[in-house]
Amino acid sequence: MTTQHPTHSLAAPSVKSPPTSFLVWFGLVVYLGLVKLVVENVFPGAFADPAQAGPFAWPALAVFSGLGLAGVWLSRRTGFPEAWDARLGPARQVLLPVLAGVALGGVIMATDLLTGFTAIQKAARGIGQQWTGYAPMFLIFSAASVILEVIYRLVLIPLGVWLVSGLLLKGRGQPATFWALAALTSALEPFMMTPDLQVLPGALWAWMAALLFATNLTQAAFFRRYGFLAAILVRVGFYLVWHVVYIH
């Protein structure tokens, strides 16, 4: 007897599909609020760069929470897998994406050890040590992983699949539409980080942009296969190495 593993297609989900994605999202919203409270009251000096605190303001968190909820609804309507599927288990939905993120974090850490690019960036931005402790770094950057998922994928990719494949192409071309959107959205972070990257030498700038693109594309692939929680966990694993363990 062979074991059948669940597969997912970018099509409208069955009405009987359990809404675990909504439950997972509500849990993540609660986590964002708890991180906000703990950082403010226990680690008031957690942000080395004051600009990093902006997304953690209550109005910003409310906006991200609402947009994320819309993204969850869109992802279910366009056939993305639920954020948690008990049939798959934690090895594939938690451990695998975290390990993928850790591997990518190891690459960027090795890059800094070889080139010292963070020293160049800090000098250009006029800030000193970015690391403020294991606990605050973990809280801030695990929460940031949720926020960035809303910005880079959770809304844009399902919305694009719905508009292009669902409406324009009448349900055709879903895989090609997804991968085109995955590539386009994966370029957003390198583009948004251009001010930080452009202070680096040309070849190093290109390498860092390619690494950020690869990290985002990996997250998109996990989103497609295992749902948005797995995509977030790739980023958590990445930040676990790059911002929590590695002091720079």
Protein backbone atom coordinates (compact mmCIF):
# COMPACT_ATOMS: atom_id res chain seq x y z
CA MET A 1 0.00 0.00 0.00
CA THR A 2 1.35 3.43 -0.90
CA THR A 3 0.94 6.53 1.21
CA GLN A 4 -0.67 9.46 -0.54
CA HIS A 5 0.61 12.86 0.51
CA PRO A 6 -1.70 15.84 0.10
CA THR A 7 -1.01 18.04 -2.87
CA HIS A 8 -2.17 21.56 -3.56
CA SER A 9 -3.20 23.36 -6.71
CA LEU A 10 -3.93 27.02 -7.18
CA ALA A 11 -7.65 26.57 -7.45
CA ALA A 12 -10.57 27.56 -5.26
CA PRO A 13 -10.51 25.41 -2.09
CA SER A 14 -13.31 23.10 -1.08
CA VAL A 15 -15.93 24.70 1.11
CA LYS A 16 -15.14 21.93 3.62
CA SER A 17 -11.49 23.01 3.92
CA PRO A 18 -10.87 23.81 7.59
CA PRO A 19 -10.03 27.48 8.14
CA THR A 20 -6.81 26.83 10.04
CA SER A 21 -5.11 29.70 8.22
CA PHE A 22 -7.38 32.19 9.96
CA LEU A 23 -6.62 30.65 13.35
CA VAL A 24 -2.88 30.75 12.65
CA TRP A 25 -3.11 34.38 11.53
CA PHE A 26 -5.02 35.44 14.63
CA GLY A 27 -2.36 33.73 16.73
CA LEU A 28 0.36 35.65 14.88
CA VAL A 29 -1.49 38.94 15.42
CA VAL A 30 -1.64 38.22 19.14
CA TYR A 31 2.10 37.46 19.05
CA LEU A 32 2.80 40.81 17.37
CA GLY A 33 0.91 42.61 20.13
CA LEU A 34 2.73 40.71 22.87
CA VAL A 35 6.10 41.48 21.30
CA LYS A 36 5.16 45.15 21.14
CA LEU A 37 4.28 45.19 24.85
CA VAL A 38 7.33 43.23 25.97
CA VAL A 39 9.79 45.27 23.91
CA GLU A 40 8.32 48.55 25.16
CA ASN A 41 8.20 47.56 28.82
CA VAL A 42 11.07 45.10 29.26
CA PHE A 43 13.57 46.02 26.51
CA PRO A 44 13.04 49.75 25.88
CA GLY A 45 16.44 50.06 24.18
CA ALA A 46 15.91 47.11 21.87
CA PHE A 47 15.98 49.12 18.62
CA ALA A 48 19.49 50.17 17.70
CA ASP A 49 18.05 52.16 14.79
CA PRO A 50 14.96 54.22 15.75
CA ALA A 51 13.58 53.75 12.22
CA GLN A 52 13.10 50.05 12.99
CA ALA A 53 10.49 50.91 15.61
CA GLY A 54 8.07 52.43 13.07
CA PRO A 55 6.38 49.15 11.96
CA PHE A 56 5.80 48.26 15.63
CA ALA A 57 3.62 51.30 16.38
CA TRP A 58 0.05 50.30 17.24
CA PRO A 59 -1.52 51.93 14.13
CA ALA A 60 1.02 50.19 11.88
CA LEU A 61 0.40 46.83 13.55
CA ALA A 62 -3.34 47.31 13.06
CA VAL A 63 -2.82 47.96 9.35
CA PHE A 64 -0.54 44.94 8.93
CA SER A 65 -3.01 42.78 10.82
CA GLY A 66 -5.90 43.83 8.58
CA LEU A 67 -3.90 43.43 5.39
CA GLY A 68 -2.69 40.03 6.53
CA LEU A 69 -6.25 38.92 7.20
CA ALA A 70 -7.20 39.97 3.67
CA GLY A 71 -4.18 38.07 2.36
CA VAL A 72 -5.23 34.94 4.23
CA TRP A 73 -8.70 35.17 2.71
CA LEU A 74 -7.26 35.67 -0.77
CA SER A 75 -4.79 32.82 -0.35
CA ARG A 76 -7.58 30.42 0.56
CA ARG A 77 -9.70 31.63 -2.36
CA THR A 78 -6.83 31.05 -4.80
CA GLY A 79 -5.98 27.55 -3.59
CA PHE A 80 -2.89 28.11 -1.45
CA PRO A 81 -2.57 25.45 1.26
CA GLU A 82 -3.74 26.08 4.78
CA ALA A 83 -1.12 27.49 7.11
CA TRP A 84 -1.22 24.26 9.10
CA ASP A 85 -2.08 20.79 7.81
CA ALA A 86 -1.97 18.06 10.47
CA ARG A 87 -1.39 15.44 7.77
CA LEU A 88 2.00 16.90 6.90
CA GLY A 89 3.42 17.19 10.40
CA PRO A 90 5.94 19.60 11.95
CA ALA A 91 9.01 18.19 10.17
CA ARG A 92 7.91 19.56 6.81
CA GLN A 93 5.90 22.56 7.97
CA VAL A 94 8.25 23.83 10.70
CA LEU A 95 11.67 22.18 10.70
CA LEU A 96 12.27 22.22 6.94
CA PRO A 97 11.52 25.93 6.42
CA VAL A 98 13.49 26.93 9.53
CA LEU A 99 16.50 24.92 8.31
CA ALA A 100 16.22 26.52 4.87
CA GLY A 101 16.28 29.93 6.52
CA VAL A 102 19.22 28.98 8.74
CA ALA A 103 21.18 27.90 5.66
CA LEU A 104 20.50 31.22 3.93
CA GLY A 105 21.40 33.08 7.12
CA GLY A 106 24.67 31.15 7.20
CA VAL A 107 25.48 32.36 3.70
CA ILE A 108 24.97 36.02 4.55
CA MET A 109 26.92 35.59 7.81
CA ALA A 110 29.82 34.06 5.89
CA THR A 111 29.63 36.96 3.43
CA ASP A 112 30.00 39.47 6.25
CA LEU A 113 32.87 37.55 7.83
CA LEU A 114 34.69 37.59 4.48
CA THR A 115 33.89 41.16 3.40
CA GLY A 116 32.86 43.14 6.50
CA PHE A 117 29.99 44.73 4.57
CA THR A 118 27.96 45.51 7.70
CA ALA A 119 30.72 47.81 8.94
CA ILE A 120 30.44 49.78 5.69
CA GLN A 121 26.67 50.02 6.05
CA LYS A 122 26.79 51.07 9.70
CA ALA A 123 29.30 53.80 8.94
CA ALA A 124 27.10 55.11 6.13
CA ARG A 125 24.01 55.12 8.37
CA GLY A 126 25.84 56.61 11.36
CA ILE A 127 24.89 53.84 13.81
CA GLY A 128 27.04 51.64 16.01
CA GLN A 129 26.30 48.16 17.27
CA GLN A 130 23.02 46.84 15.83
CA TRP A 131 22.76 43.85 18.17
CA THR A 132 21.00 44.65 21.46
CA GLY A 133 20.71 41.21 23.11
CA TYR A 134 19.52 37.69 22.33
CA ALA A 135 15.99 38.06 23.72
CA PRO A 136 15.10 41.46 22.19
CA MET A 137 16.65 40.49 18.85
CA PHE A 138 14.65 37.28 18.71
CA LEU A 139 11.40 39.02 19.63
CA ILE A 140 11.86 41.90 17.21
CA PHE A 141 12.98 39.87 14.22
CA SER A 142 10.56 36.99 14.66
CA ALA A 143 7.77 39.60 14.71
CA ALA A 144 9.38 41.40 11.76
CA SER A 145 9.18 38.13 9.83
CA VAL A 146 5.38 38.25 10.12
CA ILE A 147 5.22 41.91 9.07
CA LEU A 148 7.48 41.40 6.07
CA GLU A 149 5.42 38.43 4.90
CA VAL A 150 2.43 40.77 4.65
CA ILE A 151 4.44 43.34 2.71
CA TYR A 152 6.20 41.02 0.28
CA ARG A 153 3.91 38.01 -0.31
CA LEU A 154 0.75 37.29 1.64
CA VAL A 155 -1.35 39.95 -0.10
CA LEU A 156 0.45 40.56 -3.39
CA ILE A 157 0.86 37.00 -4.66
CA PRO A 158 -2.68 35.69 -4.01
CA LEU A 159 -4.15 38.97 -5.26
CA GLY A 160 -2.09 38.73 -8.44
CA VAL A 161 -3.05 35.07 -8.97
CA TRP A 162 -6.71 35.98 -8.56
CA LEU A 163 -6.54 38.96 -10.95
CA VAL A 164 -4.35 37.40 -13.66
CA SER A 165 -5.16 33.71 -13.60
CA GLY A 166 -8.60 33.82 -12.03
CA LEU A 167 -10.13 36.77 -13.86
CA LEU A 168 -8.01 37.58 -16.91
CA LEU A 169 -7.09 34.03 -17.94
CA LYS A 170 -10.30 32.38 -16.67
CA GLY A 171 -8.47 29.94 -14.40
CA ARG A 172 -5.69 29.03 -16.82
CA GLY A 173 -1.95 29.47 -16.37
CA GLN A 174 -1.97 29.32 -12.58
CA PRO A 175 1.54 27.84 -12.04
CA ALA A 176 3.15 30.26 -14.51
CA THR A 177 1.27 33.18 -12.95
CA PHE A 178 2.39 32.18 -9.48
CA TRP A 179 6.09 31.87 -10.42
CA ALA A 180 6.07 35.15 -12.32
CA LEU A 181 4.58 36.87 -9.27
CA ALA A 182 7.00 35.05 -6.97
CA ALA A 183 9.94 36.40 -8.98
CA LEU A 184 8.55 39.93 -9.12
CA THR A 185 7.75 40.10 -5.40
CA SER A 186 11.12 38.56 -4.53
CA ALA A 187 12.76 41.59 -6.12
CA LEU A 188 10.94 43.99 -3.77
CA GLU A 189 13.26 43.59 -0.78
CA PRO A 190 16.49 44.11 -2.77
CA PHE A 191 14.87 47.15 -4.39
CA MET A 192 13.69 48.60 -1.07
CA MET A 193 17.14 48.07 0.42
CA THR A 194 18.91 49.90 -2.40
CA PRO A 195 20.02 52.77 -0.09
CA ASP A 196 21.79 50.25 2.17
CA LEU A 197 23.19 48.21 -0.71
CA GLN A 198 24.45 51.04 -2.89
CA VAL A 199 27.13 51.98 -0.36
CA LEU A 200 28.80 48.63 -1.08
CA PRO A 201 31.24 47.89 -3.92
CA GLY A 202 29.47 46.86 -7.13
CA ALA A 203 30.13 43.12 -7.05
CA LEU A 204 29.21 42.88 -3.37
CA TRP A 205 26.07 44.92 -3.98
CA ALA A 206 25.02 42.49 -6.72
CA TRP A 207 25.77 39.46 -4.52
CA MET A 208 23.75 40.83 -1.60
CA ALA A 209 20.83 41.69 -3.88
CA ALA A 210 20.94 38.17 -5.32
CA LEU A 211 21.02 36.65 -1.84
CA LEU A 212 18.01 38.69 -0.70
CA PHE A 213 16.18 37.71 -3.89
CA ALA A 214 16.96 34.03 -3.28
CA THR A 215 15.71 34.27 0.31
CA ASN A 216 12.41 35.78 -0.80
CA LEU A 217 11.99 33.29 -3.64
CA THR A 218 12.57 30.46 -1.18
CA GLN A 219 9.84 31.90 1.03
CA ALA A 220 7.49 32.12 -1.95
CA ALA A 221 8.16 28.46 -2.79
CA PHE A 222 7.34 27.42 0.78
CA PHE A 223 4.21 29.57 0.69
CA ARG A 224 3.14 27.73 -2.45
CA ARG A 225 3.85 24.29 -1.02
CA TYR A 226 3.08 24.55 2.70
CA GLY A 227 1.26 27.83 3.31
CA PHE A 228 2.21 31.23 4.70
CA LEU A 229 3.36 30.00 8.13
CA ALA A 230 6.14 28.00 6.48
CA ALA A 231 7.16 31.08 4.49
CA ILE A 232 7.36 33.11 7.69
CA LEU A 233 9.44 30.40 9.36
CA VAL A 234 12.02 30.57 6.56
CA ARG A 235 12.52 34.23 7.49
CA VAL A 236 12.60 33.36 11.20
CA GLY A 237 15.38 30.83 10.56
CA PHE A 238 17.26 33.39 8.45
CA TYR A 239 17.02 36.04 11.16
CA LEU A 240 17.85 33.53 13.88
CA VAL A 241 21.33 33.29 12.39
CA TRP A 242 21.73 36.77 10.97
CA HIS A 243 20.30 38.96 13.73
CA VAL A 244 20.08 36.81 16.88
CA VAL A 245 23.11 34.51 16.97
CA TYR A 246 25.50 36.55 14.86
CA ILE A 247 26.57 39.73 16.62
CA HIS A 248 27.32 42.52 14.17
